N, C-alpha and C. Protein backbone atom coordinates (compact mmCIF):
# COMPACT_ATOMS: atom_id res chain seq x y z
N MET A 1 143.97 90.78 116.87
CA MET A 1 142.83 90.38 116.35
C MET A 1 141.51 90.65 117.24
N THR A 2 140.54 91.10 116.48
CA THR A 2 139.42 91.61 117.09
C THR A 2 138.46 90.40 117.28
N THR A 3 137.65 90.57 118.44
CA THR A 3 136.94 89.40 118.62
C THR A 3 135.51 89.78 118.04
N LYS A 4 134.70 88.71 117.64
CA LYS A 4 133.30 88.84 117.11
C LYS A 4 132.36 89.06 118.40
N ASN A 5 131.41 89.73 117.97
CA ASN A 5 130.30 89.92 119.07
C ASN A 5 128.97 89.56 118.50
N PRO A 6 128.25 88.66 118.92
CA PRO A 6 128.86 87.55 119.95
C PRO A 6 129.83 86.76 119.29
N GLU A 7 130.48 86.05 120.22
CA GLU A 7 131.75 85.02 119.65
C GLU A 7 131.11 83.73 119.06
N THR A 8 129.95 83.30 119.58
CA THR A 8 129.13 82.03 119.18
C THR A 8 127.83 82.41 118.91
N TYR A 9 127.03 81.45 118.32
CA TYR A 9 125.65 81.97 118.28
C TYR A 9 125.01 81.90 119.49
N THR A 10 124.21 83.07 119.58
CA THR A 10 123.81 83.43 120.93
C THR A 10 122.23 83.66 120.83
N GLU A 11 121.46 82.94 121.90
CA GLU A 11 120.09 83.37 121.80
C GLU A 11 119.79 84.68 122.63
N GLY A 12 118.66 85.19 122.33
CA GLY A 12 118.11 86.37 123.20
C GLY A 12 118.78 87.81 122.85
N LEU A 13 119.27 88.07 121.68
CA LEU A 13 119.80 89.28 121.30
C LEU A 13 119.05 89.92 120.25
N GLY A 14 117.90 89.30 119.82
CA GLY A 14 117.02 89.94 118.71
C GLY A 14 116.50 91.35 119.08
N GLU A 15 116.13 91.55 120.35
CA GLU A 15 115.53 92.62 120.79
C GLU A 15 116.48 93.97 120.57
N ILE A 16 117.77 93.64 121.13
CA ILE A 16 118.69 94.77 121.09
C ILE A 16 119.03 95.02 119.53
N ILE A 17 119.13 93.93 118.80
CA ILE A 17 119.49 94.21 117.42
C ILE A 17 118.22 95.01 116.65
N ARG A 18 117.16 94.72 117.17
CA ARG A 18 115.81 95.47 116.70
C ARG A 18 116.09 96.85 117.08
N ALA A 19 116.41 97.16 118.20
CA ALA A 19 116.54 98.52 118.80
C ALA A 19 117.63 99.29 118.23
N HIS A 20 118.47 98.80 117.74
CA HIS A 20 119.69 99.41 116.96
C HIS A 20 119.22 99.83 115.68
N ARG A 21 118.30 98.96 114.89
CA ARG A 21 117.93 99.24 113.73
C ARG A 21 116.76 100.24 113.71
N LEU A 22 116.12 100.20 114.87
CA LEU A 22 115.00 101.41 114.92
C LEU A 22 115.56 102.77 115.30
N PHE A 23 116.69 102.64 115.91
CA PHE A 23 117.32 104.00 116.17
C PHE A 23 117.92 104.63 114.90
N ILE A 24 118.45 103.70 114.01
CA ILE A 24 118.79 104.17 112.80
C ILE A 24 117.75 104.56 111.93
N GLY A 25 116.58 103.76 111.86
CA GLY A 25 115.48 104.10 111.16
C GLY A 25 115.47 103.33 109.78
N LEU A 26 116.18 102.31 109.76
CA LEU A 26 116.00 101.31 108.77
C LEU A 26 115.15 100.42 108.58
N SER A 27 114.55 99.86 107.68
CA SER A 27 113.74 98.87 107.47
C SER A 27 114.57 97.30 107.69
N GLN A 28 113.76 96.30 108.10
CA GLN A 28 114.63 95.00 108.16
C GLN A 28 115.30 94.81 106.98
N ARG A 29 114.63 94.86 105.81
CA ARG A 29 115.28 94.57 104.48
C ARG A 29 116.77 95.29 104.38
N ASP A 30 116.62 96.72 104.65
CA ASP A 30 117.85 97.56 104.41
C ASP A 30 118.88 97.08 105.45
N MET A 31 118.47 96.95 106.62
CA MET A 31 119.60 96.51 107.71
C MET A 31 120.10 95.03 107.24
N ALA A 32 119.27 94.20 106.79
CA ALA A 32 119.66 92.82 106.34
C ALA A 32 120.78 92.95 105.28
N ALA A 33 120.38 93.92 104.22
CA ALA A 33 121.45 94.24 103.21
C ALA A 33 122.79 94.65 103.66
N ARG A 34 122.62 95.65 104.75
CA ARG A 34 123.98 96.29 105.22
C ARG A 34 124.80 95.32 106.16
N VAL A 35 124.04 94.35 106.57
CA VAL A 35 125.01 93.34 107.33
C VAL A 35 125.18 92.03 106.59
N GLY A 36 124.79 91.94 105.26
CA GLY A 36 125.12 90.93 104.43
C GLY A 36 124.31 89.58 104.74
N LYS A 37 122.97 89.77 105.14
CA LYS A 37 122.08 88.79 105.47
C LYS A 37 120.85 88.64 104.64
N ASP A 38 120.35 87.57 104.39
CA ASP A 38 119.00 87.53 103.62
C ASP A 38 118.07 88.21 104.61
N ARG A 39 116.92 88.65 103.99
CA ARG A 39 116.02 89.36 104.86
C ARG A 39 115.30 88.49 105.69
N ARG A 40 114.86 87.32 105.20
CA ARG A 40 114.24 86.32 105.97
C ARG A 40 115.08 85.91 107.23
N ASP A 41 116.18 85.57 106.93
CA ASP A 41 117.15 85.25 107.98
C ASP A 41 117.38 86.38 109.10
N TYR A 42 117.32 87.59 108.58
CA TYR A 42 117.63 88.67 109.45
C TYR A 42 116.28 88.84 110.25
N GLN A 43 115.09 88.60 109.76
CA GLN A 43 113.88 88.68 110.41
C GLN A 43 113.79 87.67 111.54
N ARG A 44 114.26 86.41 111.34
CA ARG A 44 114.04 85.46 112.20
C ARG A 44 115.06 85.75 113.38
N ILE A 45 116.32 86.35 113.14
CA ILE A 45 117.18 86.62 114.22
C ILE A 45 116.62 87.80 115.04
N GLU A 46 116.21 88.73 114.42
CA GLU A 46 115.63 89.79 115.23
C GLU A 46 114.34 89.36 115.94
N SER A 47 113.48 88.58 115.59
CA SER A 47 112.33 88.16 116.21
C SER A 47 112.49 87.24 117.24
N GLY A 48 113.85 86.64 117.42
CA GLY A 48 114.36 85.69 118.40
C GLY A 48 114.15 84.17 118.00
N LYS A 49 113.58 84.02 116.72
CA LYS A 49 113.39 82.70 116.43
C LYS A 49 114.71 82.02 115.92
N ASP A 50 115.65 82.75 115.67
CA ASP A 50 117.00 82.14 115.35
C ASP A 50 118.03 82.92 116.17
N ALA A 51 119.08 82.06 116.52
CA ALA A 51 120.11 82.79 117.39
C ALA A 51 120.91 83.56 116.60
N CYS A 52 121.50 84.68 117.20
CA CYS A 52 122.27 85.79 116.51
C CYS A 52 123.75 85.06 116.24
N PRO A 53 124.05 85.00 114.92
CA PRO A 53 125.29 84.40 114.42
C PRO A 53 126.47 85.17 115.09
N PRO A 54 127.61 84.62 115.18
CA PRO A 54 128.96 85.44 115.50
C PRO A 54 129.25 86.64 114.78
N GLY A 55 129.37 87.76 115.40
CA GLY A 55 129.72 88.96 114.87
C GLY A 55 128.65 89.73 114.34
N LEU A 56 127.39 89.26 114.35
CA LEU A 56 126.26 90.21 113.75
C LEU A 56 125.86 91.38 114.58
N LEU A 57 125.83 91.27 115.87
CA LEU A 57 125.79 92.18 116.98
C LEU A 57 126.62 93.36 116.70
N GLY A 58 127.95 92.85 116.70
CA GLY A 58 129.11 93.90 116.60
C GLY A 58 129.01 94.54 115.20
N GLN A 59 128.36 94.15 114.08
CA GLN A 59 128.17 94.72 112.84
C GLN A 59 127.00 95.66 113.05
N VAL A 60 126.15 95.38 113.76
CA VAL A 60 124.88 96.33 113.88
C VAL A 60 125.34 97.37 114.82
N GLU A 61 126.14 97.09 115.95
CA GLU A 61 126.56 98.26 116.74
C GLU A 61 127.47 99.05 116.08
N THR A 62 128.29 98.65 115.15
CA THR A 62 129.10 99.59 114.31
C THR A 62 128.34 100.51 113.56
N LEU A 63 127.36 99.87 112.92
CA LEU A 63 126.46 100.70 112.05
C LEU A 63 125.68 101.86 112.86
N SER A 64 125.27 101.57 114.00
CA SER A 64 124.58 102.28 114.93
C SER A 64 125.56 103.39 115.46
N ASP A 65 126.82 103.13 115.64
CA ASP A 65 127.82 104.04 116.09
C ASP A 65 128.07 104.96 115.07
N ALA A 66 128.20 104.49 113.90
CA ALA A 66 128.60 105.39 112.81
C ALA A 66 127.33 106.43 112.52
N PHE A 67 126.04 105.92 112.68
CA PHE A 67 124.91 106.79 112.51
C PHE A 67 124.93 107.83 113.74
N ALA A 68 125.05 107.50 114.73
CA ALA A 68 125.07 108.56 115.87
C ALA A 68 126.25 109.53 115.75
N TYR A 69 127.34 109.00 115.25
CA TYR A 69 128.50 109.94 115.01
C TYR A 69 128.17 110.96 114.01
N GLN A 70 127.67 110.51 112.88
CA GLN A 70 127.18 111.48 111.67
C GLN A 70 126.08 112.46 112.28
N VAL A 71 125.20 111.89 112.94
CA VAL A 71 124.11 112.90 113.58
C VAL A 71 124.91 113.83 114.25
N GLU A 72 125.70 113.49 115.19
CA GLU A 72 126.32 114.62 116.08
C GLU A 72 127.28 115.55 115.18
N THR A 73 127.81 115.02 114.14
CA THR A 73 128.52 115.89 113.15
C THR A 73 127.59 116.91 112.70
N VAL A 74 126.44 116.58 112.29
CA VAL A 74 125.58 117.48 111.69
C VAL A 74 124.91 118.38 112.62
N LEU A 75 124.83 118.09 113.98
CA LEU A 75 124.52 118.94 115.04
C LEU A 75 125.37 119.88 115.36
N ASP A 76 126.68 119.47 115.24
CA ASP A 76 127.84 120.55 115.47
C ASP A 76 127.98 121.51 114.36
N LEU A 77 127.69 121.00 113.21
CA LEU A 77 127.71 121.91 112.02
C LEU A 77 126.61 122.93 112.21
N ALA A 78 125.44 122.50 112.65
CA ALA A 78 124.27 123.38 112.80
C ALA A 78 124.57 124.42 113.89
N GLU A 79 125.23 124.11 115.02
CA GLU A 79 125.57 124.93 115.98
C GLU A 79 126.64 126.03 115.53
N LYS A 80 127.75 125.60 114.83
CA LYS A 80 128.58 126.58 114.11
C LYS A 80 127.90 127.51 113.18
N HIS A 81 126.96 126.88 112.41
CA HIS A 81 126.29 127.70 111.40
C HIS A 81 125.43 128.75 111.97
N ALA A 82 124.83 128.38 113.00
CA ALA A 82 124.01 129.39 113.82
C ALA A 82 124.82 130.41 114.49
N GLN A 83 125.90 130.27 114.94
CA GLN A 83 126.77 131.15 115.65
C GLN A 83 127.25 131.89 114.66
N GLU A 84 127.57 131.51 113.56
CA GLU A 84 128.26 132.47 112.37
C GLU A 84 127.24 133.22 111.54
N HIS A 85 125.80 132.70 111.63
CA HIS A 85 124.84 133.34 110.82
C HIS A 85 123.79 133.79 111.69
N ASP A 86 123.85 134.31 112.81
CA ASP A 86 122.96 134.94 113.69
C ASP A 86 121.76 133.96 113.93
N GLY A 87 121.90 132.67 114.15
CA GLY A 87 120.91 131.88 114.57
C GLY A 87 120.03 131.32 113.43
N GLU A 88 120.56 131.63 112.24
CA GLU A 88 120.07 130.95 111.10
C GLU A 88 120.08 129.44 110.98
N ALA A 89 119.07 128.72 110.45
CA ALA A 89 119.01 127.42 110.30
C ALA A 89 120.09 126.81 109.35
N LEU A 90 120.51 125.69 109.79
CA LEU A 90 121.38 125.01 108.64
C LEU A 90 120.45 124.21 107.87
N GLU A 91 120.49 124.50 106.46
CA GLU A 91 119.61 123.72 105.55
C GLU A 91 120.31 122.50 104.99
N LEU A 92 119.49 121.42 105.03
CA LEU A 92 120.20 120.30 104.44
C LEU A 92 119.32 119.60 103.31
N ALA A 93 119.92 119.47 102.34
CA ALA A 93 119.22 118.91 101.13
C ALA A 93 119.01 117.39 101.40
N VAL A 94 117.81 116.99 101.25
CA VAL A 94 117.36 115.51 101.44
C VAL A 94 116.98 114.86 100.20
N ILE A 95 117.72 114.08 99.48
CA ILE A 95 117.30 113.51 98.13
C ILE A 95 116.60 112.23 98.46
N THR A 96 115.43 112.15 97.85
CA THR A 96 114.56 111.05 98.00
C THR A 96 114.52 110.18 96.79
N ASP A 97 115.61 109.63 96.42
CA ASP A 97 115.63 108.60 95.31
C ASP A 97 115.56 107.27 95.49
N GLY A 98 115.67 107.04 96.89
CA GLY A 98 115.61 105.77 97.45
C GLY A 98 116.97 104.94 97.36
N THR A 99 117.89 105.40 96.76
CA THR A 99 119.24 104.68 96.82
C THR A 99 119.76 104.45 98.25
N PRO A 100 120.51 103.32 98.60
CA PRO A 100 120.86 103.05 99.78
C PRO A 100 121.69 104.26 100.43
N GLY A 101 122.62 104.92 99.67
CA GLY A 101 123.45 105.89 100.29
C GLY A 101 122.67 107.16 100.55
N GLN A 102 121.85 107.61 99.57
CA GLN A 102 120.90 108.60 99.89
C GLN A 102 119.98 108.47 101.07
N GLU A 103 119.47 107.26 101.11
CA GLU A 103 118.65 106.91 102.17
C GLU A 103 119.33 107.01 103.66
N TRP A 104 120.53 106.60 103.57
CA TRP A 104 121.32 106.73 104.88
C TRP A 104 121.64 108.30 105.30
N GLU A 105 121.82 108.96 104.25
CA GLU A 105 121.95 110.51 104.46
C GLU A 105 120.64 111.14 104.85
N ARG A 106 119.62 110.84 104.34
CA ARG A 106 118.36 111.14 104.76
C ARG A 106 117.95 110.91 106.04
N LEU A 107 118.18 109.61 106.69
CA LEU A 107 118.10 109.30 107.85
C LEU A 107 118.77 110.17 108.94
N VAL A 108 120.12 110.37 108.57
CA VAL A 108 121.05 111.21 109.35
C VAL A 108 120.48 112.46 109.55
N ALA A 109 120.14 113.16 108.23
CA ALA A 109 119.61 114.57 108.49
C ALA A 109 118.29 114.62 109.25
N GLY A 110 117.40 113.58 108.97
CA GLY A 110 116.20 113.60 109.81
C GLY A 110 116.40 113.51 111.28
N ARG A 111 117.24 112.65 111.56
CA ARG A 111 117.54 112.52 113.22
C ARG A 111 118.06 113.76 113.63
N ALA A 112 118.97 114.47 112.70
CA ALA A 112 119.58 115.68 113.44
C ALA A 112 118.44 116.76 113.48
N ALA A 113 117.48 116.89 112.56
CA ALA A 113 116.56 117.74 112.46
C ALA A 113 115.66 117.66 113.74
N VAL A 114 115.31 116.33 114.12
CA VAL A 114 114.53 115.98 115.41
C VAL A 114 115.27 116.26 116.63
N GLU A 115 116.64 116.11 116.73
CA GLU A 115 117.41 116.41 117.89
C GLU A 115 118.01 117.73 118.08
N THR A 116 117.73 118.60 116.92
CA THR A 116 118.36 119.89 116.93
C THR A 116 117.78 120.74 118.21
N SER A 117 118.42 121.78 118.52
CA SER A 117 117.93 122.65 119.45
C SER A 117 117.48 124.05 118.85
N GLU A 118 116.68 124.76 119.53
CA GLU A 118 116.11 126.04 118.97
C GLU A 118 117.16 127.03 118.72
N SER A 119 118.32 126.74 119.45
CA SER A 119 119.48 127.82 119.13
C SER A 119 120.24 127.42 118.04
N ALA A 120 120.10 126.30 117.43
CA ALA A 120 120.93 125.84 116.29
C ALA A 120 119.99 124.79 115.49
N PRO A 121 119.01 125.33 114.77
CA PRO A 121 118.17 124.53 114.20
C PRO A 121 118.62 123.99 112.89
N VAL A 122 117.99 122.89 112.37
CA VAL A 122 118.25 122.18 111.15
C VAL A 122 117.11 122.24 110.41
N ARG A 123 117.07 122.59 109.16
CA ARG A 123 116.01 122.60 108.32
C ARG A 123 116.21 121.73 107.22
N LEU A 124 115.16 120.84 106.90
CA LEU A 124 115.35 119.88 105.77
C LEU A 124 114.62 120.20 104.56
N VAL A 125 115.44 120.29 103.43
CA VAL A 125 114.76 120.69 102.17
C VAL A 125 114.80 119.40 101.18
N VAL A 126 113.60 119.02 100.87
CA VAL A 126 113.47 117.79 100.11
C VAL A 126 113.76 118.07 98.58
N VAL A 127 114.62 117.27 98.09
CA VAL A 127 114.99 117.50 96.55
C VAL A 127 114.51 116.14 96.01
N GLU A 128 113.57 116.00 95.20
CA GLU A 128 113.20 114.80 94.51
C GLU A 128 113.84 114.53 93.15
N GLN A 129 114.65 113.66 93.06
CA GLN A 129 115.26 113.28 91.70
C GLN A 129 114.34 112.40 90.87
N THR A 130 114.17 112.67 89.70
CA THR A 130 113.60 111.83 88.61
C THR A 130 114.64 111.06 87.99
N THR A 131 114.43 110.13 87.33
CA THR A 131 115.19 109.13 86.63
C THR A 131 116.15 109.90 85.62
N SER A 132 115.57 110.92 84.97
CA SER A 132 116.28 111.72 83.98
C SER A 132 117.38 112.69 84.77
N GLN A 133 117.34 112.84 86.01
CA GLN A 133 118.20 113.70 86.75
C GLN A 133 119.17 112.93 87.40
N LYS A 134 118.97 111.52 87.43
CA LYS A 134 120.14 110.69 87.97
C LYS A 134 121.29 110.52 87.33
N PRO A 135 122.49 110.59 87.93
CA PRO A 135 123.65 110.44 87.18
C PRO A 135 123.67 109.09 86.65
N ALA A 136 124.43 108.79 85.42
CA ALA A 136 124.38 107.60 84.79
C ALA A 136 125.56 106.67 85.39
């Protein structure tokens, strides 16, 4: 059985929860949706007005860890691509349709582009989808 982090309602965790959200690049609304909280409730927890409920910090840490892992995966791909293609940048298509899944991928790609090295560059290519292009 896994334990929840925190195990009980705990004061003083709002700032670390905020730091994880900012690391990922999500808005409070998007983070609240990802952890199954109402936006206002999430805001109150993050601002320290409400205690952190059992398990919330663990959920946030899991998201943050998944994000960091995906960024590292992209950076590894960029390094491999550069080695195989004489230093050529790895191009990543970034779709800006605003859907949660696409937004997550956009954040991962953006973080990877910022953290990349000169020897293994990542280039972002923005692809805007109109409603007529979106799958039904």
